[in-house]
PDB file of N, CA and C in Angstrom:
ATOM      1  N   MET A   1      -9.302   3.275  20.704  1.00  0.00           N
ATOM      2  CA  MET A   1      -8.321   3.796  21.646  1.00  0.00           C
ATOM      3  C   MET A   1      -6.972   3.096  21.505  1.00  0.00           C
ATOM      4  N   ILE A   2      -7.012   1.821  21.098  1.00  0.00           N
ATOM      5  CA  ILE A   2      -5.745   1.109  20.918  1.00  0.00           C
ATOM      6  C   ILE A   2      -4.897   1.812  19.857  1.00  0.00           C
ATOM      7  N   SER A   3      -5.544   2.274  18.790  1.00  0.00           N
ATOM      8  CA  SER A   3      -4.800   2.954  17.725  1.00  0.00           C
ATOM      9  C   SER A   3      -4.151   4.236  18.219  1.00  0.00           C
ATOM     10  N   VAL A   4      -4.838   4.965  19.083  1.00  0.00           N
ATOM     11  CA  VAL A   4      -4.270   6.197  19.656  1.00  0.00           C
ATOM     12  C   VAL A   4      -2.998   5.863  20.434  1.00  0.00           C
ATOM     13  N   VAL A   5      -3.074   4.830  21.258  1.00  0.00           N
ATOM     14  CA  VAL A   5      -1.911   4.409  22.049  1.00  0.00           C
ATOM     15  C   VAL A   5      -0.775   3.970  21.129  1.00  0.00           C
ATOM     16  N   VAL A   6      -1.116   3.230  20.068  1.00  0.00           N
ATOM     17  CA  VAL A   6      -0.093   2.743  19.137  1.00  0.00           C
ATOM     18  C   VAL A   6       0.608   3.906  18.434  1.00  0.00           C
ATOM     19  N   ILE A   7      -0.159   4.878  17.957  1.00  0.00           N
ATOM     20  CA  ILE A   7       0.448   6.008  17.243  1.00  0.00           C
ATOM     21  C   ILE A   7       1.361   6.802  18.166  1.00  0.00           C
ATOM     22  N   ILE A   8       0.913   7.021  19.384  1.00  0.00           N
ATOM     23  CA  ILE A   8       1.769   7.712  20.360  1.00  0.00           C
ATOM     24  C   ILE A   8       3.035   6.890  20.613  1.00  0.00           C
ATOM     25  N   GLY A   9       2.872   5.578  20.709  1.00  0.00           N
ATOM     26  CA  GLY A   9       4.034   4.699  20.885  1.00  0.00           C
ATOM     27  C   GLY A   9       5.002   4.788  19.731  1.00  0.00           C
ATOM     28  N   TRP A  10       4.478   4.824  18.497  1.00  0.00           N
ATOM     29  CA  TRP A  10       5.358   4.958  17.331  1.00  0.00           C
ATOM     30  C   TRP A  10       6.148   6.258  17.380  1.00  0.00           C
ATOM     31  N   LEU A  11       5.496   7.301  17.838  1.00  0.00           N
ATOM     32  CA  LEU A  11       6.176   8.600  17.913  1.00  0.00           C
ATOM     33  C   LEU A  11       7.253   8.628  18.999  1.00  0.00           C
ATOM     34  N   LEU A  12       7.050   7.857  20.063  1.00  0.00           N
ATOM     35  CA  LEU A  12       7.957   7.914  21.204  1.00  0.00           C
ATOM     36  C   LEU A  12       8.964   6.766  21.286  1.00  0.00           C
ATOM     37  N   ALA A  13       8.758   5.701  20.524  1.00  0.00           N
ATOM     38  CA  ALA A  13       9.621   4.513  20.625  1.00  0.00           C
ATOM     39  C   ALA A  13      11.061   4.858  20.254  1.00  0.00           C
ATOM     40  N   LYS A  14      11.967   4.413  21.078  1.00  0.00           N
ATOM     41  CA  LYS A  14      13.390   4.663  20.845  1.00  0.00           C
ATOM     42  C   LYS A  14      14.186   3.372  20.658  1.00  0.00           C
ATOM     43  N   SER A  15      13.580   2.237  20.959  1.00  0.00           N
ATOM     44  CA  SER A  15      14.312   0.980  20.843  1.00  0.00           C
ATOM     45  C   SER A  15      13.533  -0.011  19.985  1.00  0.00           C
ATOM     46  N   TYR A  16      14.244  -0.991  19.465  1.00  0.00           N
ATOM     47  CA  TYR A  16      13.625  -2.027  18.648  1.00  0.00           C
ATOM     48  C   TYR A  16      12.621  -2.821  19.471  1.00  0.00           C
ATOM     49  N   THR A  17      12.944  -3.119  20.719  1.00  0.00           N
ATOM     50  CA  THR A  17      12.061  -3.893  21.582  1.00  0.00           C
ATOM     51  C   THR A  17      10.742  -3.149  21.824  1.00  0.00           C
ATOM     52  N   ALA A  18      10.825  -1.860  22.072  1.00  0.00           N
ATOM     53  CA  ALA A  18       9.612  -1.067  22.280  1.00  0.00           C
ATOM     54  C   ALA A  18       8.777  -1.030  21.007  1.00  0.00           C
ATOM     55  N   PHE A  19       9.436  -0.854  19.871  1.00  0.00           N
ATOM     56  CA  PHE A  19       8.718  -0.813  18.611  1.00  0.00           C
ATOM     57  C   PHE A  19       8.048  -2.151  18.316  1.00  0.00           C
ATOM     58  N   LEU A  20       8.713  -3.255  18.636  1.00  0.00           N
ATOM     59  CA  LEU A  20       8.146  -4.586  18.440  1.00  0.00           C
ATOM     60  C   LEU A  20       6.907  -4.778  19.314  1.00  0.00           C
ATOM     61  N   ALA A  21       6.962  -4.327  20.553  1.00  0.00           N
ATOM     62  CA  ALA A  21       5.797  -4.416  21.443  1.00  0.00           C
ATOM     63  C   ALA A  21       4.631  -3.583  20.902  1.00  0.00           C
ATOM     64  N   ILE A  22       4.943  -2.425  20.381  1.00  0.00           N
ATOM     65  CA  ILE A  22       3.897  -1.564  19.820  1.00  0.00           C
ATOM     66  C   ILE A  22       3.296  -2.212  18.572  1.00  0.00           C
ATOM     67  N   GLN A  23       4.117  -2.867  17.758  1.00  0.00           N
ATOM     68  CA  GLN A  23       3.612  -3.546  16.572  1.00  0.00           C
ATOM     69  C   GLN A  23       2.652  -4.670  16.954  1.00  0.00           C
ATOM     70  N   THR A  24       2.929  -5.358  18.058  1.00  0.00           N
ATOM     71  CA  THR A  24       2.029  -6.403  18.548  1.00  0.00           C
ATOM     72  C   THR A  24       0.683  -5.790  18.923  1.00  0.00           C
ATOM     73  N   LEU A  25       0.716  -4.668  19.585  1.00  0.00           N
ATOM     74  CA  LEU A  25      -0.512  -3.960  19.944  1.00  0.00           C
ATOM     75  C   LEU A  25      -1.250  -3.495  18.691  1.00  0.00           C
ATOM     76  N   TRP A  26      -0.506  -3.057  17.671  1.00  0.00           N
ATOM     77  CA  TRP A  26      -1.114  -2.641  16.404  1.00  0.00           C
ATOM     78  C   TRP A  26      -1.852  -3.811  15.748  1.00  0.00           C
ATOM     79  N   GLY A  27      -1.267  -5.002  15.799  1.00  0.00           N
ATOM     80  CA  GLY A  27      -1.925  -6.196  15.260  1.00  0.00           C
ATOM     81  C   GLY A  27      -3.254  -6.450  15.958  1.00  0.00           C
ATOM     82  N   LEU A  28      -3.296  -6.242  17.252  1.00  0.00           N
ATOM     83  CA  LEU A  28      -4.540  -6.389  18.010  1.00  0.00           C
ATOM     84  C   LEU A  28      -5.574  -5.355  17.568  1.00  0.00           C
ATOM     85  N   ALA A  29      -5.146  -4.127  17.368  1.00  0.00           N
ATOM     86  CA  ALA A  29      -6.061  -3.065  16.936  1.00  0.00           C
ATOM     87  C   ALA A  29      -6.653  -3.374  15.568  1.00  0.00           C
ATOM     88  N   VAL A  30      -5.808  -3.788  14.646  1.00  0.00           N
ATOM     89  CA  VAL A  30      -6.266  -4.091  13.284  1.00  0.00           C
ATOM     90  C   VAL A  30      -7.211  -5.290  13.292  1.00  0.00           C
ATOM     91  N   ALA A  31      -6.886  -6.301  14.086  1.00  0.00           N
ATOM     92  CA  ALA A  31      -7.690  -7.521  14.114  1.00  0.00           C
ATOM     93  C   ALA A  31      -9.037  -7.334  14.795  1.00  0.00           C
ATOM     94  N   THR A  32      -9.184  -6.334  15.633  1.00  0.00           N
ATOM     95  CA  THR A  32     -10.434  -6.165  16.371  1.00  0.00           C
ATOM     96  C   THR A  32     -11.330  -5.056  15.839  1.00  0.00           C
ATOM     97  N   TRP A  33     -10.783  -4.040  15.189  1.00  0.00           N
ATOM     98  CA  TRP A  33     -11.582  -2.881  14.796  1.00  0.00           C
ATOM     99  C   TRP A  33     -12.655  -3.220  13.767  1.00  0.00           C
ATOM    100  N   MET A  34     -12.292  -3.742  12.623  1.00  0.00           N
ATOM    101  CA  MET A  34     -13.255  -3.951  11.556  1.00  0.00           C
ATOM    102  C   MET A  34     -14.314  -4.996  11.915  1.00  0.00           C
ATOM    103  N   PRO A  35     -13.967  -6.155  12.481  1.00  0.00           N
ATOM    104  CA  PRO A  35     -15.035  -7.088  12.857  1.00  0.00           C
ATOM    105  C   PRO A  35     -16.010  -6.492  13.885  1.00  0.00           C
ATOM    106  N   ALA A  36     -15.476  -5.755  14.841  1.00  0.00           N
ATOM    107  CA  ALA A  36     -16.357  -5.137  15.840  1.00  0.00           C
ATOM    108  C   ALA A  36     -17.252  -4.081  15.199  1.00  0.00           C
ATOM    109  N   PHE A  37     -16.692  -3.285  14.310  1.00  0.00           N
ATOM    110  CA  PHE A  37     -17.484  -2.248  13.648  1.00  0.00           C
ATOM    111  C   PHE A  37     -18.568  -2.861  12.775  1.00  0.00           C
ATOM    112  N   LEU A  38     -18.228  -3.880  11.998  1.00  0.00           N
ATOM    113  CA  LEU A  38     -19.220  -4.505  11.121  1.00  0.00           C
ATOM    114  C   LEU A  38     -20.305  -5.213  11.924  1.00  0.00           C
ATOM    115  N   ALA A  39     -19.957  -5.822  13.055  1.00  0.00           N
ATOM    116  CA  ALA A  39     -20.972  -6.432  13.917  1.00  0.00           C
ATOM    117  C   ALA A  39     -21.904  -5.369  14.483  1.00  0.00           C
ATOM    118  N   TRP A  40     -21.343  -4.248  14.911  1.00  0.00           N
ATOM    119  CA  TRP A  40     -22.177  -3.153  15.406  1.00  0.00           C
ATOM    120  C   TRP A  40     -23.100  -2.645  14.311  1.00  0.00           C
ATOM    121  N   LEU A  41     -22.570  -2.449  13.113  1.00  0.00           N
ATOM    122  CA  LEU A  41     -23.379  -1.969  11.992  1.00  0.00           C
ATOM    123  C   LEU A  41     -24.491  -2.957  11.665  1.00  0.00           C
ATOM    124  N   ALA A  42     -24.167  -4.238  11.614  1.00  0.00           N
ATOM    125  CA  ALA A  42     -25.172  -5.255  11.308  1.00  0.00           C
ATOM    126  C   ALA A  42     -26.272  -5.294  12.364  1.00  0.00           C
ATOM    127  N   ASN A  43     -25.930  -5.066  13.606  1.00  0.00           N
ATOM    128  CA  ASN A  43     -26.928  -5.079  14.679  1.00  0.00           C
ATOM    129  C   ASN A  43     -27.719  -3.786  14.762  1.00  0.00           C
ATOM    130  N   SER A  44     -27.245  -2.741  14.119  1.00  0.00           N
ATOM    131  CA  SER A  44     -27.884  -1.427  14.213  1.00  0.00           C
ATOM    132  C   SER A  44     -28.819  -1.127  13.048  1.00  0.00           C
ATOM    133  N   VAL A  45     -28.766  -1.926  12.005  1.00  0.00           N
ATOM    134  CA  VAL A  45     -29.513  -1.642  10.776  1.00  0.00           C
ATOM    135  C   VAL A  45     -30.502  -2.780  10.530  1.00  0.00           C
ATOM    136  N   PRO A  46     -31.717  -2.447  10.120  1.00  0.00           N
ATOM    137  CA  PRO A  46     -32.668  -3.514   9.783  1.00  0.00           C
ATOM    138  C   PRO A  46     -32.097  -4.439   8.711  1.00  0.00           C
ATOM    139  N   GLU A  47     -32.475  -5.682   8.750  1.00  0.00           N
ATOM    140  CA  GLU A  47     -31.899  -6.696   7.863  1.00  0.00           C
ATOM    141  C   GLU A  47     -32.017  -6.329   6.388  1.00  0.00           C
ATOM    142  N   LYS A  48     -33.115  -5.727   5.977  1.00  0.00           N
ATOM    143  CA  LYS A  48     -33.317  -5.384   4.568  1.00  0.00           C
ATOM    144  C   LYS A  48     -32.401  -4.253   4.110  1.00  0.00           C
ATOM    145  N   GLN A  49     -31.866  -3.454   5.027  1.00  0.00           N
ATOM    146  CA  GLN A  49     -30.994  -2.332   4.680  1.00  0.00           C
ATOM    147  C   GLN A  49     -29.517  -2.634   4.900  1.00  0.00           C
ATOM    148  N   ARG A  50     -29.212  -3.788   5.444  1.00  0.00           N
ATOM    149  CA  ARG A  50     -27.849  -4.104   5.844  1.00  0.00           C
ATOM    150  C   ARG A  50     -26.848  -4.002   4.703  1.00  0.00           C
ATOM    151  N   ALA A  51     -27.128  -4.625   3.598  1.00  0.00           N
ATOM    152  CA  ALA A  51     -26.186  -4.612   2.470  1.00  0.00           C
ATOM    153  C   ALA A  51     -25.987  -3.188   1.948  1.00  0.00           C
ATOM    154  N   GLU A  52     -27.070  -2.425   1.887  1.00  0.00           N
ATOM    155  CA  GLU A  52     -26.968  -1.042   1.411  1.00  0.00           C
ATOM    156  C   GLU A  52     -26.083  -0.210   2.322  1.00  0.00           C
ATOM    157  N   GLU A  53     -26.283  -0.329   3.622  1.00  0.00           N
ATOM    158  CA  GLU A  53     -25.483   0.457   4.575  1.00  0.00           C
ATOM    159  C   GLU A  53     -24.027   0.031   4.574  1.00  0.00           C
ATOM    160  N   MET A  54     -23.775  -1.260   4.456  1.00  0.00           N
ATOM    161  CA  MET A  54     -22.388  -1.721   4.399  1.00  0.00           C
ATOM    162  C   MET A  54     -21.720  -1.243   3.110  1.00  0.00           C
ATOM    163  N   GLY A  55     -22.479  -1.199   2.019  1.00  0.00           N
ATOM    164  CA  GLY A  55     -21.956  -0.659   0.767  1.00  0.00           C
ATOM    165  C   GLY A  55     -21.653   0.827   0.883  1.00  0.00           C
ATOM    166  N   ARG A  56     -22.547   1.562   1.522  1.00  0.00           N
ATOM    167  CA  ARG A  56     -22.305   2.995   1.737  1.00  0.00           C
ATOM    168  C   ARG A  56     -21.050   3.215   2.571  1.00  0.00           C
ATOM    169  N   PHE A  57     -20.915   2.412   3.611  1.00  0.00           N
ATOM    170  CA  PHE A  57     -19.730   2.529   4.460  1.00  0.00           C
ATOM    171  C   PHE A  57     -18.464   2.251   3.655  1.00  0.00           C
ATOM    172  N   GLY A  58     -18.486   1.196   2.838  1.00  0.00           N
ATOM    173  CA  GLY A  58     -17.321   0.862   2.016  1.00  0.00           C
ATOM    174  C   GLY A  58     -16.989   1.977   1.032  1.00  0.00           C
ATOM    175  N   ALA A  59     -18.016   2.547   0.408  1.00  0.00           N
ATOM    176  CA  ALA A  59     -17.791   3.640  -0.546  1.00  0.00           C
ATOM    177  C   ALA A  59     -17.237   4.870   0.168  1.00  0.00           C
ATOM    178  N   PHE A  60     -17.806   5.209   1.314  1.00  0.00           N
ATOM    179  CA  PHE A  60     -17.348   6.365   2.085  1.00  0.00           C
ATOM    180  C   PHE A  60     -15.890   6.189   2.493  1.00  0.00           C
ATOM    181  N   ARG A  61     -15.568   5.003   2.978  1.00  0.00           N
ATOM    182  CA  ARG A  61     -14.192   4.708   3.383  1.00  0.00           C
ATOM    183  C   ARG A  61     -13.236   4.794   2.200  1.00  0.00           C
ATOM    184  N   GLY A  62     -13.662   4.251   1.057  1.00  0.00           N
ATOM    185  CA  GLY A  62     -12.822   4.281  -0.137  1.00  0.00           C
ATOM    186  C   GLY A  62     -12.577   5.697  -0.634  1.00  0.00           C
ATOM    187  N   LEU A  63     -13.619   6.513  -0.625  1.00  0.00           N
ATOM    188  CA  LEU A  63     -13.466   7.893  -1.087  1.00  0.00           C
ATOM    189  C   LEU A  63     -12.560   8.698  -0.168  1.00  0.00           C
ATOM    190  N   LEU A  64     -12.690   8.482   1.130  1.00  0.00           N
ATOM    191  CA  LEU A  64     -11.834   9.206   2.070  1.00  0.00           C
ATOM    192  C   LEU A  64     -10.383   8.736   2.006  1.00  0.00           C
ATOM    193  N   SER A  65     -10.186   7.452   1.749  1.00  0.00           N
ATOM    194  CA  SER A  65      -8.818   6.934   1.772  1.00  0.00           C
ATOM    195  C   SER A  65      -8.084   7.134   0.444  1.00  0.00           C
ATOM    196  N   PHE A  66      -8.800   7.430  -0.629  1.00  0.00           N
ATOM    197  CA  PHE A  66      -8.155   7.584  -1.931  1.00  0.00           C
ATOM    198  C   PHE A  66      -7.026   8.622  -1.926  1.00  0.00           C
ATOM    199  N   PRO A  67      -7.232   9.835  -1.391  1.00  0.00           N
ATOM    200  CA  PRO A  67      -6.143  10.821  -1.425  1.00  0.00           C
ATOM    201  C   PRO A  67      -5.129  10.661  -0.282  1.00  0.00           C
ATOM    202  N   ALA A  68      -5.313   9.687   0.583  1.00  0.00           N
ATOM    203  CA  ALA A  68      -4.459   9.556   1.765  1.00  0.00           C
ATOM    204  C   ALA A  68      -2.969   9.414   1.445  1.00  0.00           C
ATOM    205  N   PRO A  69      -2.560   8.592   0.494  1.00  0.00           N
ATOM    206  CA  PRO A  69      -1.120   8.497   0.210  1.00  0.00           C
ATOM    207  C   PRO A  69      -0.519   9.825  -0.263  1.00  0.00           C
ATOM    208  N   PHE A  70      -1.256  10.551  -1.074  1.00  0.00           N
ATOM    209  CA  PHE A  70      -0.776  11.842  -1.565  1.00  0.00           C
ATOM    210  C   PHE A  70      -0.640  12.837  -0.418  1.00  0.00           C
ATOM    211  N   VAL A  71      -1.677  12.918   0.416  1.00  0.00           N
ATOM    212  CA  VAL A  71      -1.652  13.834   1.566  1.00  0.00           C
ATOM    213  C   VAL A  71      -0.541  13.427   2.532  1.00  0.00           C
ATOM    214  N   GLY A  72      -0.399  12.115   2.763  1.00  0.00           N
ATOM    215  CA  GLY A  72       0.673  11.639   3.632  1.00  0.00           C
ATOM    216  C   GLY A  72       2.047  12.004   3.102  1.00  0.00           C
ATOM    217  N   GLY A  73       2.211  11.891   1.795  1.00  0.00           N
ATOM    218  CA  GLY A  73       3.489  12.282   1.180  1.00  0.00           C
ATOM    219  C   GLY A  73       3.784  13.762   1.347  1.00  0.00           C
ATOM    220  N   LEU A  74       2.757  14.587   1.171  1.00  0.00           N
ATOM    221  CA  LEU A  74       2.939  16.031   1.374  1.00  0.00           C
ATOM    222  C   LEU A  74       3.304  16.340   2.821  1.00  0.00           C
ATOM    223  N   LEU A  75       2.619  15.691   3.755  1.00  0.00           N
ATOM    224  CA  LEU A  75       2.922  15.915   5.175  1.00  0.00           C
ATOM    225  C   LEU A  75       4.336  15.455   5.516  1.00  0.00           C
ATOM    226  N   TYR A  76       4.741  14.306   4.945  1.00  0.00           N
ATOM    227  CA  TYR A  76       6.092  13.808   5.195  1.00  0.00           C
ATOM    228  C   TYR A  76       7.139  14.770   4.640  1.00  0.00           C
ATOM    229  N   LYS A  77       6.884  15.256   3.431  1.00  0.00           N
ATOM    230  CA  LYS A  77       7.835  16.180   2.809  1.00  0.00           C
ATOM    231  C   LYS A  77       7.958  17.469   3.616  1.00  0.00           C
ATOM    232  N   ALA A  78       6.835  17.948   4.146  1.00  0.00           N
ATOM    233  CA  ALA A  78       6.836  19.215   4.879  1.00  0.00           C
ATOM    234  C   ALA A  78       7.337  19.076   6.316  1.00  0.00           C
ATOM    235  N   PHE A  79       6.998  17.962   6.996  1.00  0.00           N
ATOM    236  CA  PHE A  79       7.269  17.858   8.434  1.00  0.00           C
ATOM    237  C   PHE A  79       8.078  16.638   8.834  1.00  0.00           C
ATOM    238  N   GLY A  80       8.449  15.799   7.884  1.00  0.00           N
ATOM    239  CA  GLY A  80       9.170  14.580   8.229  1.00  0.00           C
ATOM    240  C   GLY A  80       8.228  13.510   8.757  1.00  0.00           C
ATOM    241  N   PHE A  81       8.795  12.516   9.419  1.00  0.00           N
ATOM    242  CA  PHE A  81       8.040  11.362   9.913  1.00  0.00           C
ATOM    243  C   PHE A  81       6.874  11.762  10.797  1.00  0.00           C
ATOM    244  N   LYS A  82       7.057  12.789  11.603  1.00  0.00           N
ATOM    245  CA  LYS A  82       6.010  13.175  12.554  1.00  0.00           C
ATOM    246  C   LYS A  82       4.780  13.783  11.883  1.00  0.00           C
ATOM    247  N   GLY A  83       4.907  14.320  10.677  1.00  0.00           N
ATOM    248  CA  GLY A  83       3.767  14.946   9.999  1.00  0.00           C
ATOM    249  C   GLY A  83       2.609  13.989   9.772  1.00  0.00           C
ATOM    250  N   PRO A  84       2.826  12.900   9.008  1.00  0.00           N
ATOM    251  CA  PRO A  84       1.723  11.965   8.795  1.00  0.00           C
ATOM    252  C   PRO A  84       1.294  11.250  10.073  1.00  0.00           C
ATOM    253  N   MET A  85       2.243  11.032  10.975  1.00  0.00           N
ATOM    254  CA  MET A  85       1.886  10.360  12.237  1.00  0.00           C
ATOM    255  C   MET A  85       0.955  11.232  13.083  1.00  0.00           C
ATOM    256  N   LEU A  86       1.239  12.525  13.159  1.00  0.00           N
ATOM    257  CA  LEU A  86       0.375  13.417  13.934  1.00  0.00           C
ATOM    258  C   LEU A  86      -0.992  13.576  13.263  1.00  0.00           C
ATOM    259  N   ALA A  87      -1.044  13.581  11.932  1.00  0.00           N
ATOM    260  CA  ALA A  87      -2.330  13.628  11.239  1.00  0.00           C
ATOM    261  C   ALA A  87      -3.136  12.359  11.529  1.00  0.00           C
ATOM    262  N   ASN A  88      -2.452  11.216  11.532  1.00  0.00           N
ATOM    263  CA  ASN A  88      -3.100   9.954  11.856  1.00  0.00           C
ATOM    264  C   ASN A  88      -3.602   9.954  13.296  1.00  0.00           C
ATOM    265  N   LEU A  89      -2.793  10.486  14.199  1.00  0.00           N
ATOM    266  CA  LEU A  89      -3.195  10.589  15.601  1.00  0.00           C
ATOM    267  C   LEU A  89      -4.434  11.476  15.745  1.00  0.00           C
ATOM    268  N   PHE A  90      -4.434  12.601  15.051  1.00  0.00           N
ATOM    269  CA  PHE A  90      -5.600  13.491  15.085  1.00  0.00           C
ATOM    270  C   PHE A  90      -6.846  12.758  14.593  1.00  0.00           C
ATOM    271  N   GLY A  91      -6.721  12.013  13.484  1.00  0.00           N
ATOM    272  CA  GLY A  91      -7.850  11.262  12.950  1.00  0.00           C
ATOM    273  C   GLY A  91      -8.347  10.197  13.903  1.00  0.00           C
ATOM    274  N   ALA A  92      -7.426   9.485  14.546  1.00  0.00           N
ATOM    275  CA  ALA A  92      -7.818   8.436  15.490  1.00  0.00           C
ATOM    276  C   ALA A  92      -8.531   9.026  16.706  1.00  0.00           C
ATOM    277  N   VAL A  93      -8.017  10.134  17.215  1.00  0.00           N
ATOM    278  CA  VAL A  93      -8.682  10.795  18.354  1.00  0.00           C
ATOM    279  C   VAL A  93     -10.061  11.302  17.927  1.00  0.00           C
ATOM    280  N   LEU A  94     -10.161  11.846  16.734  1.00  0.00           N
ATOM    281  CA  LEU A  94     -11.444  12.330  16.223  1.00  0.00           C
ATOM    282  C   LEU A  94     -12.464  11.195  16.135  1.00  0.00           C
ATOM    283  N   VAL A  95     -12.040  10.037  15.656  1.00  0.00           N
ATOM    284  CA  VAL A  95     -12.936   8.882  15.579  1.00  0.00           C
ATOM    285  C   VAL A  95     -13.399   8.472  16.969  1.00  0.00           C
ATOM    286  N   VAL A  96     -12.499   8.442  17.936  1.00  0.00           N
ATOM    287  CA  VAL A  96     -12.874   8.088  19.307  1.00  0.00           C
ATOM    288  C   VAL A  96     -13.910   9.074  19.851  1.00  0.00           C
ATOM    289  N   VAL A  97     -13.685  10.361  19.634  1.00  0.00           N
ATOM    290  CA  VAL A  97     -14.623  11.381  20.119  1.00  0.00           C
ATOM    291  C   VAL A  97     -15.980  11.231  19.441  1.00  0.00           C
ATOM    292  N   ILE A  98     -15.991  11.027  18.128  1.00  0.00           N
ATOM    293  CA  ILE A  98     -17.260  10.870  17.404  1.00  0.00           C
ATOM    294  C   ILE A  98     -18.001   9.626  17.869  1.00  0.00           C
ATOM    295  N   LEU A  99     -17.299   8.519  18.001  1.00  0.00           N
ATOM    296  CA  LEU A  99     -17.943   7.292  18.465  1.00  0.00           C
ATOM    297  C   LEU A  99     -18.505   7.465  19.876  1.00  0.00           C
ATOM    298  N   ARG A 100     -17.731   8.087  20.717  1.00  0.00           N
ATOM    299  CA  ARG A 100     -18.171   8.298  22.104  1.00  0.00           C
ATOM    300  C   ARG A 100     -19.395   9.213  22.170  1.00  0.00           C
ATOM    301  N   ALA A 101     -19.442  10.229  21.326  1.00  0.00           N
ATOM    302  CA  ALA A 101     -20.519  11.215  21.374  1.00  0.00           C
ATOM    303  C   ALA A 101     -21.799  10.747  20.682  1.00  0.00           C
ATOM    304  N   PHE A 102     -21.668  10.015  19.572  1.00  0.00           N
ATOM    305  CA  PHE A 102     -22.849   9.765  18.754  1.00  0.00           C
ATOM    306  C   PHE A 102     -23.303   8.320  18.650  1.00  0.00           C
ATOM    307  N   VAL A 103     -22.447   7.370  18.934  1.00  0.00           N
ATOM    308  CA  VAL A 103     -22.819   5.972  18.734  1.00  0.00           C
ATOM    309  C   VAL A 103     -23.381   5.392  20.022  1.00  0.00           C
ATOM    310  N   ARG A 104     -24.534   4.799  19.874  1.00  0.00           N
ATOM    311  CA  ARG A 104     -25.194   4.126  20.998  1.00  0.00           C
ATOM    312  C   ARG A 104     -25.336   2.649  20.656  1.00  0.00           C
ATOM    313  N   GLU A 105     -25.421   1.830  21.667  1.00  0.00           N
ATOM    314  CA  GLU A 105     -25.661   0.411  21.445  1.00  0.00           C
ATOM    315  C   GLU A 105     -27.026   0.225  20.818  1.00  0.00           C
ATOM    316  N   PRO A 106     -27.132  -0.719  19.906  1.00  0.00           N
ATOM    317  CA  PRO A 106     -28.441  -0.974  19.285  1.00  0.00           C
ATOM    318  C   PRO A 106     -29.459  -1.406  20.336  1.00  0.00           C
ATOM    319  N   GLN A 107     -30.674  -0.952  20.151  1.00  0.00           N
ATOM    320  CA  GLN A 107     -31.741  -1.315  21.081  1.00  0.00           C
ATOM    321  C   GLN A 107     -32.356  -2.649  20.644  1.00  0.00           C
ATOM    322  N   ALA A 108     -32.604  -3.511  21.603  1.00  0.00           N
ATOM    323  CA  ALA A 108     -33.224  -4.804  21.302  1.00  0.00           C
ATOM    324  C   ALA A 108     -34.654  -4.556  20.848  1.00  0.00           C
ATOM    325  N   VAL A 109     -35.031  -5.246  19.777  1.00  0.00           N
ATOM    326  CA  VAL A 109     -36.387  -5.129  19.254  1.00  0.00           C
ATOM    327  C   VAL A 109     -37.214  -6.271  19.840  1.00  0.00           C
ATOM    328  N   PRO A 110     -38.332  -5.921  20.506  1.00  0.00           N
ATOM    329  CA  PRO A 110     -39.139  -7.005  21.127  1.00  0.00           C
ATOM    330  C   PRO A 110     -39.801  -7.900  20.114  1.00  0.00           C
TER     331      PRO A 110
END
């Protein structure tokens, strides 16, 4: 959710001070997302499968992010600054919805 707020802030910021505050919030989002996600993944997968699942996640992320600069460039060329930002906002909202709908806390194993 922090990323959603940050992207909206980037779209609406009109002053350097506002943009600086949003960048601080972005640093918080970046610093908390991956460690929290990897901890959740490690707690959700049996120990013998952990490395495999983390590898799958890394490969999936890499494959999805490979065309991102090209797509971002096309969006920028077609719509200006707001094109890639709105696509990023859509992706961030989609991730929030998917996480909210499908991800559950790992169950403690007795």
